[in-house]
Amino acid sequence: MNDEQLITQLFEDGDRALIARDVAELSRIFADDYVQYDESGKASTRADVITTLSSGKIRYVSMVSTGRRIYLLRDDLAIVHGSEDDEVEQEGKRFPVRYVYMDVVMKRDEKWRIVASQLAKPMQRS
């Protein structure tokens, strides 16, 4: 597989791991120094994201990625952006969540890892 295919696989594995709350798989996908900024600007580390998922506070019921684009900047650095249409369960209630994202992906020890994510709410369509 080429690097673009490997990165695509990494993101598909990540979606499945988030739905399954697979801590081992998420630990493989997110770099040790991973940081995620949500739409309010709040930063979460890899440990924060995994703890929130494994605690059951939030559960991803389904995830649909749309418009994902991968830009290889170097042989060890890529930017990935796209959007997600997810169904989430929190505090016993299910609701849709839609966001756009931009991720920084780096190859470390010959393996691609997500090192940073920025999430944002998409503009409302009129």
Protein backbone atom coordinates (compact mmCIF):
# COMPACT_ATOMS: atom_id res chain seq x y z
CA MET A 1 0.00 0.00 0.00
CA ASN A 2 1.15 3.54 -0.67
CA ASP A 3 1.14 6.27 2.01
CA GLU A 4 -2.24 7.70 0.99
CA GLN A 5 -3.82 4.24 1.25
CA LEU A 6 -2.15 3.66 4.63
CA ILE A 7 -3.49 6.98 5.95
CA THR A 8 -6.98 6.19 4.62
CA GLN A 9 -6.79 2.83 6.41
CA LEU A 10 -5.64 4.57 9.61
CA PHE A 11 -8.73 6.81 9.56
CA GLU A 12 -11.09 3.93 8.77
CA ASP A 13 -9.54 1.94 11.63
CA GLY A 14 -9.98 5.00 13.86
CA ASP A 15 -13.68 5.28 13.06
CA ARG A 16 -14.21 1.59 13.88
CA ALA A 17 -12.17 1.91 17.10
CA LEU A 18 -14.16 4.95 18.25
CA ILE A 19 -17.45 3.09 17.72
CA ALA A 20 -16.11 -0.04 19.46
CA ARG A 21 -14.36 1.98 22.21
CA ASP A 22 -11.24 -0.05 21.42
CA VAL A 23 -8.60 1.50 23.69
CA ALA A 24 -5.70 -0.56 22.31
CA GLU A 25 -6.52 0.41 18.73
CA LEU A 26 -6.98 4.09 19.62
CA SER A 27 -3.62 4.02 21.42
CA ARG A 28 -2.06 2.77 18.18
CA ILE A 29 -3.77 5.39 16.00
CA PHE A 30 -3.22 8.48 18.17
CA ALA A 31 0.39 9.48 18.85
CA ASP A 32 1.56 9.66 22.48
CA ASP A 33 1.63 13.47 22.20
CA TYR A 34 -1.74 13.71 20.40
CA VAL A 35 -3.84 16.80 21.07
CA GLN A 36 -7.38 17.52 19.89
CA TYR A 37 -9.03 20.93 19.89
CA ASP A 38 -12.82 20.88 19.81
CA GLU A 39 -15.05 23.54 18.28
CA SER A 40 -14.91 25.62 21.48
CA GLY A 41 -11.09 25.56 21.53
CA LYS A 42 -10.83 23.11 24.44
CA ALA A 43 -7.73 20.91 24.20
CA SER A 44 -7.82 17.18 24.97
CA THR A 45 -4.86 14.81 25.09
CA ARG A 46 -4.85 11.23 23.85
CA ALA A 47 -5.45 10.09 27.43
CA ASP A 48 -8.40 12.50 27.79
CA VAL A 49 -10.04 11.23 24.59
CA ILE A 50 -9.56 7.58 25.52
CA THR A 51 -10.74 8.11 29.12
CA THR A 52 -13.90 9.86 27.96
CA LEU A 53 -14.71 7.06 25.53
CA SER A 54 -13.91 4.18 27.87
CA SER A 55 -15.90 5.77 30.72
CA GLY A 56 -19.08 5.57 28.66
CA LYS A 57 -19.79 9.31 29.02
CA ILE A 58 -20.06 9.45 25.26
CA ARG A 59 -20.63 6.70 22.73
CA TYR A 60 -20.36 6.85 18.97
CA VAL A 61 -23.25 4.87 17.52
CA SER A 62 -22.31 5.53 13.89
CA MET A 63 -19.77 7.58 11.96
CA VAL A 64 -19.88 8.62 8.32
CA SER A 65 -16.85 10.42 6.92
CA THR A 66 -17.42 12.62 3.91
CA GLY A 67 -15.11 14.61 1.69
CA ARG A 68 -11.90 13.32 3.24
CA ARG A 69 -8.82 14.71 1.50
CA ILE A 70 -5.24 13.72 2.17
CA TYR A 71 -2.36 16.06 1.36
CA LEU A 72 1.08 14.50 1.60
CA LEU A 73 3.48 17.33 2.41
CA ARG A 74 6.59 15.19 2.87
CA ASP A 75 7.31 11.49 3.09
CA ASP A 76 6.55 11.65 6.84
CA LEU A 77 3.93 14.43 7.13
CA ALA A 78 0.36 14.81 5.90
CA ILE A 79 -2.68 16.98 6.46
CA VAL A 80 -6.08 15.30 6.35
CA HIS A 81 -9.36 17.18 6.32
CA GLY A 82 -12.98 16.34 5.78
CA SER A 83 -16.26 16.16 7.61
CA GLU A 84 -18.13 13.73 9.82
CA ASP A 85 -21.80 12.99 10.24
CA ASP A 86 -22.03 10.99 13.45
CA GLU A 87 -24.71 9.69 15.75
CA VAL A 88 -23.69 10.05 19.38
CA GLU A 89 -25.20 8.85 22.64
CA GLN A 90 -24.61 10.90 25.77
CA GLU A 91 -26.46 10.71 29.08
CA GLY A 92 -28.96 8.28 27.58
CA LYS A 93 -29.86 10.54 24.66
CA ARG A 94 -28.99 10.04 21.00
CA PHE A 95 -28.37 12.95 18.69
CA PRO A 96 -26.59 13.76 15.42
CA VAL A 97 -23.23 15.53 15.47
CA ARG A 98 -21.79 17.15 12.38
CA TYR A 99 -18.32 18.69 12.22
CA VAL A 100 -15.42 19.43 9.92
CA TYR A 101 -11.90 18.53 10.90
CA MET A 102 -8.27 18.98 10.00
CA ASP A 103 -5.72 16.47 11.27
CA VAL A 104 -1.95 16.41 11.20
CA VAL A 105 -0.59 12.93 10.55
CA MET A 106 3.08 11.96 10.94
CA LYS A 107 5.04 8.84 10.16
CA ARG A 108 7.06 7.78 13.18
CA ASP A 109 9.03 4.55 13.28
CA GLU A 110 7.63 3.77 9.80
CA LYS A 111 4.00 3.97 11.05
CA TRP A 112 1.46 6.73 10.44
CA ARG A 113 -0.08 8.30 13.58
CA ILE A 114 -2.52 11.15 14.11
CA VAL A 115 -0.70 13.83 16.13
CA ALA A 116 -3.22 16.69 16.19
CA SER A 117 -6.86 17.38 15.37
CA GLN A 118 -8.92 20.56 15.05
CA LEU A 119 -12.70 20.17 15.02
CA ALA A 120 -15.16 22.85 13.96
CA LYS A 121 -18.90 23.15 13.42
CA PRO A 122 -19.73 23.59 9.73
CA MET A 123 -21.51 26.72 8.62
CA GLN A 124 -25.28 26.39 8.45
CA ARG A 125 -26.65 26.09 4.97
CA SER A 126 -29.26 28.65 4.05
